[in-house]
């Protein structure tokens, strides 16, 4: 059966606001991020969901918990495969610092886009099987969402121009035969309500995603 997956980008953190690369570094939500998660949860109350799952990184796990509480669902189960793309030695740096230190974009320890997509696809497939035929909120990260969007609908989320905002919601239909996520709505407005959560463009908050 078809499983519907609503991928939600976590709320803002202090490193987002400072334009620092987070990746696998576990930076918590700030107060703005908690408000954004609450706003996303309010939009999601317009539909019925069976479960919330989340990345184990605290910014996504707390976003998922805020959403689950508002939807009256159990606390999110966490999946390691939903974690943000690892950026190796660039984590904690700003874009200016990355450019100065790695002018040739050869960042040690950075996870490749293909490796990211492979683990995310495997994890979403696992979630779709576990909640077969259900409707699931997936609290995760910007690069994760962008990789799924670009695989499902190439060109939809050009990383140079298209924002994936904190708290934004992106809906997918999982095709079990093709083991593939099909994009339903990018920045899903949830019944024609604007995706208010998150006002900063993704490339503002994670400038390294403009790179390789």
N, C-alpha and C. Protein backbone atom coordinates (compact mmCIF):
# COMPACT_ATOMS: atom_id res chain seq x y z
N UNK A 1 0.84 -1.20 0.00
CA UNK A 1 0.00 0.00 0.00
C UNK A 1 0.87 1.25 0.00
N UNK A 2 0.32 2.35 -0.47
CA UNK A 2 1.05 3.61 -0.54
C UNK A 2 1.13 4.27 0.84
N UNK A 3 2.31 4.67 1.21
CA UNK A 3 2.52 5.41 2.45
C UNK A 3 2.81 6.86 2.10
N UNK A 4 2.18 7.78 2.81
CA UNK A 4 2.43 9.21 2.61
C UNK A 4 3.40 9.70 3.67
N UNK A 5 4.41 10.41 3.23
CA UNK A 5 5.46 10.91 4.11
C UNK A 5 5.52 12.43 4.03
N UNK A 6 5.40 13.09 5.17
CA UNK A 6 5.48 14.55 5.23
C UNK A 6 6.80 14.93 5.89
N UNK A 7 7.78 15.33 5.07
CA UNK A 7 9.09 15.68 5.59
C UNK A 7 9.10 17.13 6.04
N UNK A 8 9.46 17.33 7.31
CA UNK A 8 9.46 18.66 7.92
C UNK A 8 10.89 19.02 8.30
N UNK A 9 11.33 20.18 7.86
CA UNK A 9 12.66 20.63 8.29
C UNK A 9 12.56 21.17 9.72
N UNK A 10 13.53 20.82 10.53
CA UNK A 10 13.57 21.27 11.93
C UNK A 10 13.52 22.79 12.02
N UNK A 11 13.19 23.28 13.21
CA UNK A 11 13.21 24.72 13.47
C UNK A 11 14.62 25.27 13.58
N UNK A 12 14.69 26.57 13.70
CA UNK A 12 15.98 27.27 13.71
C UNK A 12 16.81 26.95 14.96
N UNK A 13 18.13 26.99 14.77
CA UNK A 13 19.09 26.90 15.87
C UNK A 13 19.95 28.16 15.87
N UNK A 14 20.73 28.32 16.93
CA UNK A 14 21.64 29.47 16.96
C UNK A 14 22.65 29.40 15.83
N UNK A 15 23.10 28.22 15.48
CA UNK A 15 24.05 28.09 14.37
C UNK A 15 23.40 28.45 13.04
N UNK A 16 22.12 28.13 12.87
CA UNK A 16 21.41 28.59 11.67
C UNK A 16 21.47 30.12 11.60
N UNK A 17 21.12 30.75 12.70
CA UNK A 17 21.08 32.21 12.73
C UNK A 17 22.46 32.82 12.49
N UNK A 18 23.51 32.12 12.91
CA UNK A 18 24.88 32.61 12.73
C UNK A 18 25.48 32.16 11.40
N UNK A 19 24.71 31.43 10.61
CA UNK A 19 25.15 30.91 9.32
C UNK A 19 26.36 29.98 9.46
N UNK A 20 26.31 29.14 10.49
CA UNK A 20 27.35 28.14 10.68
C UNK A 20 26.87 26.79 10.17
N UNK A 21 27.79 26.04 9.59
CA UNK A 21 27.47 24.72 9.07
C UNK A 21 27.24 23.77 10.24
N UNK A 22 26.09 23.09 10.27
CA UNK A 22 25.79 22.20 11.38
C UNK A 22 26.10 20.74 11.05
N UNK A 23 25.48 20.22 10.01
CA UNK A 23 25.69 18.84 9.65
C UNK A 23 25.38 17.89 10.79
N UNK A 24 26.35 17.03 11.13
CA UNK A 24 26.12 16.02 12.16
C UNK A 24 26.34 16.57 13.57
N UNK A 25 26.76 17.83 13.70
CA UNK A 25 26.92 18.43 15.02
C UNK A 25 25.55 18.64 15.64
N UNK A 26 25.42 18.27 16.91
CA UNK A 26 24.10 18.26 17.54
C UNK A 26 23.82 19.60 18.23
N UNK A 27 23.23 20.53 17.47
CA UNK A 27 22.91 21.86 17.96
C UNK A 27 21.40 21.92 18.23
N UNK A 28 20.98 22.36 19.44
CA UNK A 28 19.55 22.36 19.77
C UNK A 28 18.78 23.51 19.13
N UNK A 29 17.48 23.39 19.15
CA UNK A 29 16.61 24.48 18.72
C UNK A 29 16.80 25.69 19.62
N UNK A 30 16.62 26.88 19.04
CA UNK A 30 16.48 28.08 19.87
C UNK A 30 14.99 28.40 20.00
N UNK A 31 14.67 29.51 20.65
CA UNK A 31 13.26 29.83 20.88
C UNK A 31 12.52 30.07 19.57
N UNK A 32 13.19 30.69 18.60
CA UNK A 32 12.58 30.88 17.28
C UNK A 32 12.28 29.52 16.65
N UNK A 33 13.21 28.59 16.78
CA UNK A 33 13.01 27.26 16.22
C UNK A 33 11.84 26.53 16.85
N UNK A 34 11.67 26.68 18.14
CA UNK A 34 10.53 26.04 18.81
C UNK A 34 9.22 26.65 18.33
N UNK A 35 9.23 27.96 18.12
CA UNK A 35 8.02 28.59 17.58
C UNK A 35 7.74 28.08 16.17
N UNK A 36 8.76 27.95 15.35
CA UNK A 36 8.56 27.45 14.00
C UNK A 36 8.02 26.02 14.00
N UNK A 37 8.54 25.19 14.91
CA UNK A 37 8.04 23.82 15.02
C UNK A 37 6.57 23.81 15.45
N UNK A 38 6.22 24.72 16.35
CA UNK A 38 4.83 24.82 16.80
C UNK A 38 3.92 25.26 15.66
N UNK A 39 4.38 26.20 14.85
CA UNK A 39 3.60 26.66 13.69
C UNK A 39 3.41 25.54 12.68
N UNK A 40 4.47 24.76 12.45
CA UNK A 40 4.34 23.62 11.54
C UNK A 40 3.34 22.61 12.08
N UNK A 41 3.39 22.38 13.39
CA UNK A 41 2.45 21.45 14.02
C UNK A 41 1.01 21.91 13.82
N UNK A 42 0.78 23.22 13.94
CA UNK A 42 -0.57 23.74 13.75
C UNK A 42 -1.07 23.48 12.33
N UNK A 43 -0.21 23.68 11.35
CA UNK A 43 -0.60 23.38 9.97
C UNK A 43 -0.94 21.90 9.81
N UNK A 44 -0.14 21.05 10.44
CA UNK A 44 -0.33 19.62 10.28
C UNK A 44 -1.62 19.11 10.94
N UNK A 45 -2.16 19.87 11.90
CA UNK A 45 -3.43 19.44 12.51
C UNK A 45 -4.57 19.42 11.52
N UNK A 46 -4.39 20.01 10.36
CA UNK A 46 -5.44 20.02 9.34
C UNK A 46 -5.61 18.66 8.66
N UNK A 47 -4.66 17.75 8.91
CA UNK A 47 -4.74 16.41 8.32
C UNK A 47 -4.56 15.36 9.41
N UNK A 48 -4.88 14.13 9.09
CA UNK A 48 -4.76 13.03 10.03
C UNK A 48 -3.45 12.28 9.80
N UNK A 49 -2.74 11.99 10.88
CA UNK A 49 -1.47 11.29 10.79
C UNK A 49 -1.47 10.09 11.73
N UNK A 50 -0.66 9.11 11.35
CA UNK A 50 -0.55 7.89 12.15
C UNK A 50 0.65 7.89 13.07
N UNK A 51 1.69 8.62 12.72
CA UNK A 51 2.92 8.58 13.52
C UNK A 51 3.82 9.75 13.16
N UNK A 52 4.75 10.04 14.06
CA UNK A 52 5.84 10.99 13.80
C UNK A 52 7.15 10.25 14.05
N UNK A 53 8.08 10.39 13.11
CA UNK A 53 9.44 9.86 13.29
C UNK A 53 10.41 11.01 13.12
N UNK A 54 11.66 10.81 13.54
CA UNK A 54 12.59 11.95 13.53
C UNK A 54 14.04 11.48 13.42
N UNK A 55 14.87 12.40 12.97
CA UNK A 55 16.31 12.27 13.09
C UNK A 55 16.67 12.28 14.57
N UNK A 56 17.75 11.57 14.95
CA UNK A 56 18.15 11.59 16.36
C UNK A 56 18.82 12.88 16.80
N UNK A 57 19.23 13.76 15.87
CA UNK A 57 19.83 15.02 16.26
C UNK A 57 18.78 15.87 16.97
N UNK A 58 19.16 16.51 18.06
CA UNK A 58 18.18 17.10 18.98
C UNK A 58 17.29 18.14 18.32
N UNK A 59 17.82 18.89 17.36
CA UNK A 59 17.00 19.93 16.73
C UNK A 59 15.82 19.32 15.96
N UNK A 60 16.04 18.16 15.35
CA UNK A 60 14.95 17.48 14.63
C UNK A 60 14.09 16.67 15.59
N UNK A 61 14.73 16.02 16.57
CA UNK A 61 13.97 15.21 17.52
C UNK A 61 13.00 16.08 18.32
N UNK A 62 13.46 17.28 18.73
CA UNK A 62 12.56 18.17 19.47
C UNK A 62 11.46 18.70 18.56
N UNK A 63 11.79 19.02 17.32
CA UNK A 63 10.76 19.44 16.37
C UNK A 63 9.71 18.34 16.24
N UNK A 64 10.15 17.10 16.10
CA UNK A 64 9.21 15.98 16.01
C UNK A 64 8.37 15.82 17.26
N UNK A 65 8.97 16.03 18.42
CA UNK A 65 8.24 15.90 19.68
C UNK A 65 7.17 16.97 19.80
N UNK A 66 7.51 18.21 19.42
CA UNK A 66 6.53 19.30 19.45
C UNK A 66 5.35 18.97 18.54
N UNK A 67 5.65 18.44 17.37
CA UNK A 67 4.59 18.09 16.41
C UNK A 67 3.76 16.92 16.94
N UNK A 68 4.41 15.89 17.45
CA UNK A 68 3.69 14.72 17.96
C UNK A 68 2.77 15.11 19.11
N UNK A 69 3.25 15.95 20.02
CA UNK A 69 2.42 16.40 21.14
C UNK A 69 1.18 17.12 20.64
N UNK A 70 1.35 17.99 19.65
CA UNK A 70 0.21 18.75 19.13
C UNK A 70 -0.78 17.85 18.40
N UNK A 71 -0.27 16.80 17.75
CA UNK A 71 -1.15 15.89 17.01
C UNK A 71 -1.73 14.79 17.88
N UNK A 72 -1.32 14.74 19.14
CA UNK A 72 -1.82 13.71 20.04
C UNK A 72 -1.27 12.33 19.73
N UNK A 73 -0.05 12.28 19.22
CA UNK A 73 0.57 11.02 18.84
C UNK A 73 1.73 10.68 19.79
N UNK A 74 2.18 9.44 19.73
CA UNK A 74 3.30 9.00 20.57
C UNK A 74 4.56 9.77 20.21
N UNK A 75 5.49 9.82 21.16
CA UNK A 75 6.77 10.46 20.93
C UNK A 75 7.45 9.84 19.71
N UNK A 76 8.19 10.64 18.95
CA UNK A 76 8.78 10.13 17.71
C UNK A 76 9.78 9.00 17.95
N UNK A 77 9.71 8.00 17.09
CA UNK A 77 10.78 7.02 16.99
C UNK A 77 11.89 7.66 16.16
N UNK A 78 13.14 7.54 16.58
CA UNK A 78 14.23 8.15 15.84
C UNK A 78 14.93 7.12 14.95
N UNK A 79 15.39 7.59 13.80
CA UNK A 79 16.11 6.77 12.83
C UNK A 79 17.43 7.45 12.52
N UNK A 80 18.52 6.74 12.74
CA UNK A 80 19.84 7.30 12.48
C UNK A 80 19.99 7.75 11.03
N UNK A 81 19.33 7.05 10.11
CA UNK A 81 19.43 7.38 8.70
C UNK A 81 18.79 8.68 8.30
N UNK A 82 18.05 9.32 9.21
CA UNK A 82 17.42 10.61 8.92
C UNK A 82 18.29 11.79 9.33
N UNK A 83 19.48 11.52 9.88
CA UNK A 83 20.35 12.60 10.33
C UNK A 83 20.81 13.46 9.16
N UNK A 84 21.21 14.67 9.48
CA UNK A 84 21.68 15.60 8.46
C UNK A 84 22.96 15.09 7.80
N UNK A 85 23.19 15.57 6.58
CA UNK A 85 24.43 15.27 5.88
C UNK A 85 25.62 15.71 6.72
N UNK A 86 26.63 14.88 6.81
CA UNK A 86 27.84 15.22 7.55
C UNK A 86 28.74 16.09 6.68
N UNK A 87 29.24 17.16 7.26
CA UNK A 87 30.10 18.09 6.52
C UNK A 87 31.54 18.07 7.00
N UNK A 88 31.90 17.06 7.77
CA UNK A 88 33.28 16.89 8.17
C UNK A 88 33.86 18.10 8.87
N UNK A 89 35.05 18.50 8.45
CA UNK A 89 35.76 19.57 9.13
C UNK A 89 35.18 20.96 8.88
N UNK A 90 34.17 21.05 8.03
CA UNK A 90 33.52 22.34 7.80
C UNK A 90 32.49 22.67 8.88
N UNK A 91 32.11 21.68 9.67
CA UNK A 91 31.06 21.93 10.66
C UNK A 91 31.54 22.93 11.71
N UNK A 92 30.68 23.88 11.98
CA UNK A 92 30.99 24.96 12.91
C UNK A 92 31.53 26.21 12.24
N UNK A 93 31.86 26.09 10.95
CA UNK A 93 32.41 27.23 10.22
C UNK A 93 31.32 27.99 9.47
N UNK A 94 31.58 29.25 9.18
CA UNK A 94 30.71 30.02 8.30
C UNK A 94 31.16 29.82 6.85
N UNK A 95 30.36 30.29 5.92
CA UNK A 95 30.71 30.15 4.51
C UNK A 95 32.03 30.86 4.20
N UNK A 96 32.21 32.04 4.77
CA UNK A 96 33.45 32.78 4.56
C UNK A 96 34.66 31.99 5.06
N UNK A 97 34.52 31.38 6.22
CA UNK A 97 35.61 30.60 6.79
C UNK A 97 35.89 29.35 5.96
N UNK A 98 34.82 28.71 5.45
CA UNK A 98 35.00 27.53 4.60
C UNK A 98 35.75 27.91 3.33
N UNK A 99 35.36 29.03 2.71
CA UNK A 99 36.02 29.48 1.48
C UNK A 99 37.49 29.76 1.71
N UNK A 100 37.80 30.37 2.85
CA UNK A 100 39.19 30.69 3.15
C UNK A 100 40.02 29.45 3.43
N UNK A 101 39.42 28.49 4.14
CA UNK A 101 40.18 27.31 4.55
C UNK A 101 40.22 26.22 3.49
N UNK A 102 39.14 26.13 2.69
CA UNK A 102 39.05 25.08 1.67
C UNK A 102 38.70 25.71 0.31
N UNK A 103 39.60 26.48 -0.26
CA UNK A 103 39.29 27.20 -1.51
C UNK A 103 38.99 26.28 -2.68
N UNK A 104 39.44 25.03 -2.60
CA UNK A 104 39.18 24.09 -3.69
C UNK A 104 38.02 23.14 -3.37
N UNK A 105 37.30 23.45 -2.31
CA UNK A 105 36.11 22.68 -1.92
C UNK A 105 36.44 21.23 -1.58
N UNK A 106 37.65 20.97 -1.14
CA UNK A 106 38.07 19.61 -0.77
C UNK A 106 37.99 19.47 0.74
N UNK A 107 36.79 19.29 1.26
CA UNK A 107 36.55 19.31 2.70
C UNK A 107 36.68 17.89 3.27
N UNK A 108 37.65 17.66 4.13
CA UNK A 108 37.82 16.32 4.70
C UNK A 108 36.59 15.88 5.50
N UNK A 109 36.17 14.66 5.27
CA UNK A 109 35.08 14.08 6.06
C UNK A 109 33.69 14.42 5.59
N UNK A 110 33.56 15.17 4.50
CA UNK A 110 32.21 15.53 4.03
C UNK A 110 31.56 14.32 3.35
N UNK A 111 30.32 14.06 3.73
CA UNK A 111 29.55 12.97 3.13
C UNK A 111 29.15 13.34 1.71
N UNK A 112 29.29 12.41 0.80
CA UNK A 112 28.93 12.69 -0.59
C UNK A 112 27.41 12.75 -0.75
N UNK A 113 26.98 13.43 -1.79
CA UNK A 113 25.54 13.50 -2.06
C UNK A 113 24.96 12.12 -2.37
N UNK A 114 25.73 11.30 -3.06
CA UNK A 114 25.23 9.96 -3.40
C UNK A 114 25.09 9.10 -2.15
N UNK A 115 26.03 9.20 -1.22
CA UNK A 115 25.93 8.44 0.03
C UNK A 115 24.74 8.92 0.86
N UNK A 116 24.54 10.23 0.90
CA UNK A 116 23.40 10.78 1.61
C UNK A 116 22.09 10.25 1.04
N UNK A 117 21.94 10.32 -0.27
CA UNK A 117 20.71 9.86 -0.91
C UNK A 117 20.48 8.38 -0.66
N UNK A 118 21.54 7.58 -0.71
CA UNK A 118 21.40 6.14 -0.50
C UNK A 118 20.87 5.83 0.89
N UNK A 119 21.42 6.47 1.91
CA UNK A 119 20.95 6.15 3.27
C UNK A 119 19.56 6.70 3.54
N UNK A 120 19.25 7.86 2.96
CA UNK A 120 17.92 8.42 3.16
C UNK A 120 16.88 7.55 2.47
N UNK A 121 17.16 7.10 1.26
CA UNK A 121 16.22 6.26 0.53
C UNK A 121 15.97 4.96 1.30
N UNK A 122 17.03 4.36 1.79
CA UNK A 122 16.87 3.12 2.56
C UNK A 122 16.03 3.36 3.81
N UNK A 123 16.28 4.47 4.49
CA UNK A 123 15.56 4.77 5.73
C UNK A 123 14.09 5.07 5.46
N UNK A 124 13.80 5.86 4.43
CA UNK A 124 12.40 6.15 4.11
C UNK A 124 11.68 4.87 3.70
N UNK A 125 12.37 3.98 2.99
CA UNK A 125 11.77 2.70 2.65
C UNK A 125 11.43 1.89 3.88
N UNK A 126 12.33 1.90 4.85
CA UNK A 126 12.07 1.19 6.12
C UNK A 126 10.86 1.78 6.84
N UNK A 127 10.78 3.10 6.86
CA UNK A 127 9.65 3.77 7.51
C UNK A 127 8.35 3.43 6.78
N UNK A 128 8.39 3.45 5.45
CA UNK A 128 7.19 3.15 4.66
C UNK A 128 6.70 1.73 4.91
N UNK A 129 7.61 0.80 5.07
CA UNK A 129 7.22 -0.59 5.36
C UNK A 129 6.63 -0.68 6.77
N UNK A 130 7.26 -0.03 7.71
CA UNK A 130 6.78 -0.09 9.09
C UNK A 130 5.38 0.49 9.22
N UNK A 131 5.11 1.57 8.49
CA UNK A 131 3.80 2.23 8.58
C UNK A 131 3.05 2.07 7.26
N UNK A 132 3.06 0.88 6.73
CA UNK A 132 2.50 0.58 5.42
C UNK A 132 1.07 1.10 5.29
N UNK A 133 0.86 1.96 4.28
CA UNK A 133 -0.46 2.52 4.05
C UNK A 133 -0.82 3.67 4.96
N UNK A 134 0.10 4.09 5.82
CA UNK A 134 -0.17 5.15 6.77
C UNK A 134 0.25 6.52 6.27
N UNK A 135 0.13 7.50 7.16
CA UNK A 135 0.52 8.88 6.89
C UNK A 135 1.45 9.30 8.02
N UNK A 136 2.68 9.64 7.68
CA UNK A 136 3.73 9.80 8.68
C UNK A 136 4.43 11.15 8.53
N UNK A 137 4.64 11.84 9.65
CA UNK A 137 5.47 13.05 9.68
C UNK A 137 6.91 12.63 9.93
N UNK A 138 7.83 13.17 9.15
CA UNK A 138 9.25 12.85 9.27
C UNK A 138 9.99 14.15 9.58
N UNK A 139 10.44 14.32 10.83
CA UNK A 139 11.17 15.52 11.22
C UNK A 139 12.65 15.32 10.91
N UNK A 140 13.18 16.12 10.00
CA UNK A 140 14.54 15.88 9.53
C UNK A 140 15.23 17.19 9.17
N UNK A 141 16.06 17.21 8.14
CA UNK A 141 16.99 18.31 7.90
C UNK A 141 16.95 18.80 6.45
N UNK A 142 17.50 19.98 6.24
CA UNK A 142 17.43 20.61 4.93
C UNK A 142 18.08 19.84 3.81
N UNK A 143 19.33 19.40 4.01
CA UNK A 143 20.01 18.67 2.94
C UNK A 143 19.34 17.33 2.67
N UNK A 144 18.80 16.72 3.71
CA UNK A 144 18.05 15.47 3.55
C UNK A 144 16.85 15.70 2.65
N UNK A 145 16.06 16.72 2.96
CA UNK A 145 14.86 17.00 2.17
C UNK A 145 15.23 17.35 0.74
N UNK A 146 16.27 18.16 0.58
CA UNK A 146 16.66 18.56 -0.76
C UNK A 146 17.08 17.35 -1.60
N UNK A 147 17.78 16.41 -0.99
CA UNK A 147 18.21 15.23 -1.74
C UNK A 147 17.02 14.39 -2.19
N UNK A 148 16.00 14.27 -1.34
CA UNK A 148 14.81 13.49 -1.69
C UNK A 148 14.02 14.21 -2.78
N UNK A 149 13.86 15.52 -2.64
CA UNK A 149 13.14 16.30 -3.64
C UNK A 149 13.82 16.20 -4.99
N UNK A 150 15.12 16.37 -5.02
CA UNK A 150 15.83 16.37 -6.30
C UNK A 150 15.84 15.01 -6.97
N UNK A 151 15.80 13.95 -6.17
CA UNK A 151 15.71 12.61 -6.75
C UNK A 151 14.31 12.36 -7.29
N UNK A 152 13.29 12.83 -6.55
CA UNK A 152 11.90 12.59 -6.95
C UNK A 152 11.48 13.48 -8.11
N UNK A 153 11.95 14.73 -8.11
CA UNK A 153 11.53 15.69 -9.13
C UNK A 153 12.71 16.59 -9.46
N UNK A 154 13.64 16.12 -10.30
CA UNK A 154 14.85 16.88 -10.60
C UNK A 154 14.56 18.31 -11.03
N UNK A 155 15.32 19.24 -10.46
CA UNK A 155 15.16 20.64 -10.82
C UNK A 155 14.21 21.41 -9.93
N UNK A 156 13.42 20.69 -9.12
CA UNK A 156 12.44 21.36 -8.26
C UNK A 156 13.12 22.20 -7.18
N UNK A 157 14.20 21.68 -6.62
CA UNK A 157 14.85 22.34 -5.49
C UNK A 157 16.30 22.67 -5.83
N UNK A 158 16.47 23.50 -6.85
CA UNK A 158 17.82 23.93 -7.21
C UNK A 158 18.47 24.58 -6.00
N UNK A 159 19.64 24.06 -5.61
CA UNK A 159 20.21 24.50 -4.34
C UNK A 159 20.72 25.94 -4.37
N UNK A 160 20.83 26.53 -5.55
CA UNK A 160 21.30 27.92 -5.61
C UNK A 160 20.17 28.91 -5.35
N UNK A 161 18.93 28.48 -5.60
CA UNK A 161 17.85 29.47 -5.62
C UNK A 161 16.63 29.11 -4.78
N UNK A 162 16.42 27.85 -4.49
CA UNK A 162 15.16 27.43 -3.88
C UNK A 162 15.30 27.23 -2.39
N UNK A 163 14.58 27.98 -1.57
CA UNK A 163 14.70 27.83 -0.12
C UNK A 163 13.99 26.58 0.38
N UNK A 164 14.59 25.94 1.37
CA UNK A 164 13.91 24.93 2.17
C UNK A 164 13.94 25.48 3.58
N UNK A 165 12.85 26.06 3.98
CA UNK A 165 12.81 26.87 5.19
C UNK A 165 12.72 26.02 6.45
N UNK A 166 13.21 26.59 7.55
CA UNK A 166 12.99 25.95 8.84
C UNK A 166 11.50 25.82 9.09
N UNK A 167 11.06 24.62 9.44
CA UNK A 167 9.65 24.39 9.70
C UNK A 167 8.81 24.12 8.48
N UNK A 168 9.41 24.15 7.28
CA UNK A 168 8.63 23.91 6.06
C UNK A 168 8.29 22.42 5.92
N UNK A 169 7.21 22.15 5.19
CA UNK A 169 6.64 20.80 5.06
C UNK A 169 6.64 20.41 3.59
N UNK A 170 7.09 19.18 3.31
CA UNK A 170 7.18 18.70 1.93
C UNK A 170 6.61 17.28 1.88
N UNK A 171 5.59 17.07 1.06
CA UNK A 171 4.86 15.81 1.09
C UNK A 171 5.26 14.90 -0.07
N UNK A 172 5.35 13.60 0.24
CA UNK A 172 5.77 12.58 -0.72
C UNK A 172 4.86 11.37 -0.63
N UNK A 173 4.77 10.67 -1.73
CA UNK A 173 4.09 9.38 -1.78
C UNK A 173 5.15 8.31 -2.04
N UNK A 174 5.24 7.32 -1.16
CA UNK A 174 6.25 6.28 -1.33
C UNK A 174 5.75 5.19 -2.27
N UNK A 175 6.50 4.95 -3.31
CA UNK A 175 6.17 3.90 -4.27
C UNK A 175 6.97 2.65 -3.90
N UNK A 176 6.34 1.63 -3.31
CA UNK A 176 7.10 0.46 -2.85
C UNK A 176 7.67 -0.37 -3.99
N UNK A 177 7.03 -0.34 -5.15
CA UNK A 177 7.52 -1.14 -6.27
C UNK A 177 8.82 -0.56 -6.84
N UNK A 178 8.90 0.74 -6.90
CA UNK A 178 10.10 1.39 -7.44
C UNK A 178 11.09 1.75 -6.33
N UNK A 179 10.69 1.54 -5.05
CA UNK A 179 11.51 1.92 -3.90
C UNK A 179 11.95 3.37 -4.08
N UNK A 180 10.94 4.24 -4.15
CA UNK A 180 11.19 5.61 -4.60
C UNK A 180 10.12 6.52 -4.01
N UNK A 181 10.54 7.72 -3.59
CA UNK A 181 9.61 8.72 -3.09
C UNK A 181 9.14 9.61 -4.22
N UNK A 182 7.84 9.73 -4.40
CA UNK A 182 7.28 10.61 -5.43
C UNK A 182 6.82 11.90 -4.77
N UNK A 183 7.27 13.02 -5.29
CA UNK A 183 6.91 14.31 -4.72
C UNK A 183 5.44 14.61 -4.94
N UNK A 184 4.73 14.95 -3.86
CA UNK A 184 3.34 15.39 -3.95
C UNK A 184 3.30 16.91 -3.96
N UNK A 185 3.87 17.54 -2.94
CA UNK A 185 3.94 19.00 -2.88
C UNK A 185 5.25 19.45 -2.26
N UNK A 186 5.93 20.37 -2.91
CA UNK A 186 7.09 21.03 -2.35
C UNK A 186 6.60 22.27 -1.61
N UNK A 187 7.08 22.47 -0.37
CA UNK A 187 6.50 23.53 0.48
C UNK A 187 4.99 23.37 0.53
N UNK A 188 4.55 22.21 0.94
CA UNK A 188 3.12 21.88 1.00
C UNK A 188 2.39 22.91 1.86
N UNK A 189 1.40 23.61 1.28
CA UNK A 189 0.71 24.65 2.06
C UNK A 189 -0.35 24.09 3.00
N UNK A 190 -0.55 22.79 3.00
CA UNK A 190 -1.54 22.14 3.88
C UNK A 190 -2.91 22.80 3.71
N UNK A 191 -3.58 22.37 2.68
CA UNK A 191 -4.92 22.89 2.38
C UNK A 191 -4.93 24.39 2.15
N UNK A 192 -3.99 24.84 1.33
CA UNK A 192 -3.93 26.23 0.88
C UNK A 192 -3.59 27.24 1.96
N UNK A 193 -3.01 26.78 3.05
CA UNK A 193 -2.48 27.70 4.05
C UNK A 193 -1.00 27.89 3.76
N UNK A 194 -0.53 29.13 3.75
CA UNK A 194 0.86 29.41 3.42
C UNK A 194 1.80 28.72 4.40
N UNK A 195 2.98 28.34 3.91
CA UNK A 195 3.97 27.68 4.77
C UNK A 195 4.71 28.74 5.57
N UNK A 196 4.01 29.32 6.54
CA UNK A 196 4.56 30.40 7.32
C UNK A 196 5.83 30.09 8.08
N UNK A 197 6.01 28.88 8.66
CA UNK A 197 7.21 28.65 9.46
C UNK A 197 8.49 28.84 8.67
N UNK A 198 9.41 29.59 9.29
CA UNK A 198 10.73 29.74 8.66
C UNK A 198 10.75 30.83 7.61
N UNK A 199 11.53 31.84 7.82
CA UNK A 199 11.56 32.95 6.89
C UNK A 199 12.89 33.06 6.16
N UNK A 200 13.89 32.29 6.55
CA UNK A 200 15.20 32.42 5.94
C UNK A 200 15.38 31.37 4.85
N UNK A 201 15.97 31.76 3.77
CA UNK A 201 16.26 30.82 2.69
C UNK A 201 17.26 29.76 3.16
N UNK A 202 17.14 28.59 2.58
CA UNK A 202 18.01 27.48 2.98
C UNK A 202 19.47 27.82 2.74
N UNK A 203 19.78 28.46 1.62
CA UNK A 203 21.19 28.73 1.34
C UNK A 203 21.74 29.81 2.26
N UNK A 204 20.85 30.59 2.89
CA UNK A 204 21.31 31.54 3.90
C UNK A 204 21.75 30.80 5.14
N UNK A 205 20.99 29.77 5.50
CA UNK A 205 21.25 29.07 6.74
C UNK A 205 22.28 27.97 6.60
N UNK A 206 22.44 27.43 5.42
CA UNK A 206 23.45 26.40 5.22
C UNK A 206 24.18 26.69 3.91
N UNK A 207 25.06 27.67 3.91
CA UNK A 207 25.70 28.11 2.67
C UNK A 207 26.51 27.00 2.01
N UNK A 208 26.96 26.02 2.75
CA UNK A 208 27.78 24.97 2.16
C UNK A 208 26.97 24.11 1.19
N UNK A 209 25.66 24.10 1.30
CA UNK A 209 24.85 23.31 0.36
C UNK A 209 24.90 23.87 -1.05
N UNK A 210 25.43 25.07 -1.23
CA UNK A 210 25.62 25.58 -2.58
C UNK A 210 26.80 24.90 -3.26
N UNK A 211 27.57 24.18 -2.45
CA UNK A 211 28.79 23.57 -2.97
C UNK A 211 28.53 22.11 -3.33
N UNK A 212 29.60 21.30 -3.35
CA UNK A 212 29.49 19.92 -3.79
C UNK A 212 28.84 19.00 -2.80
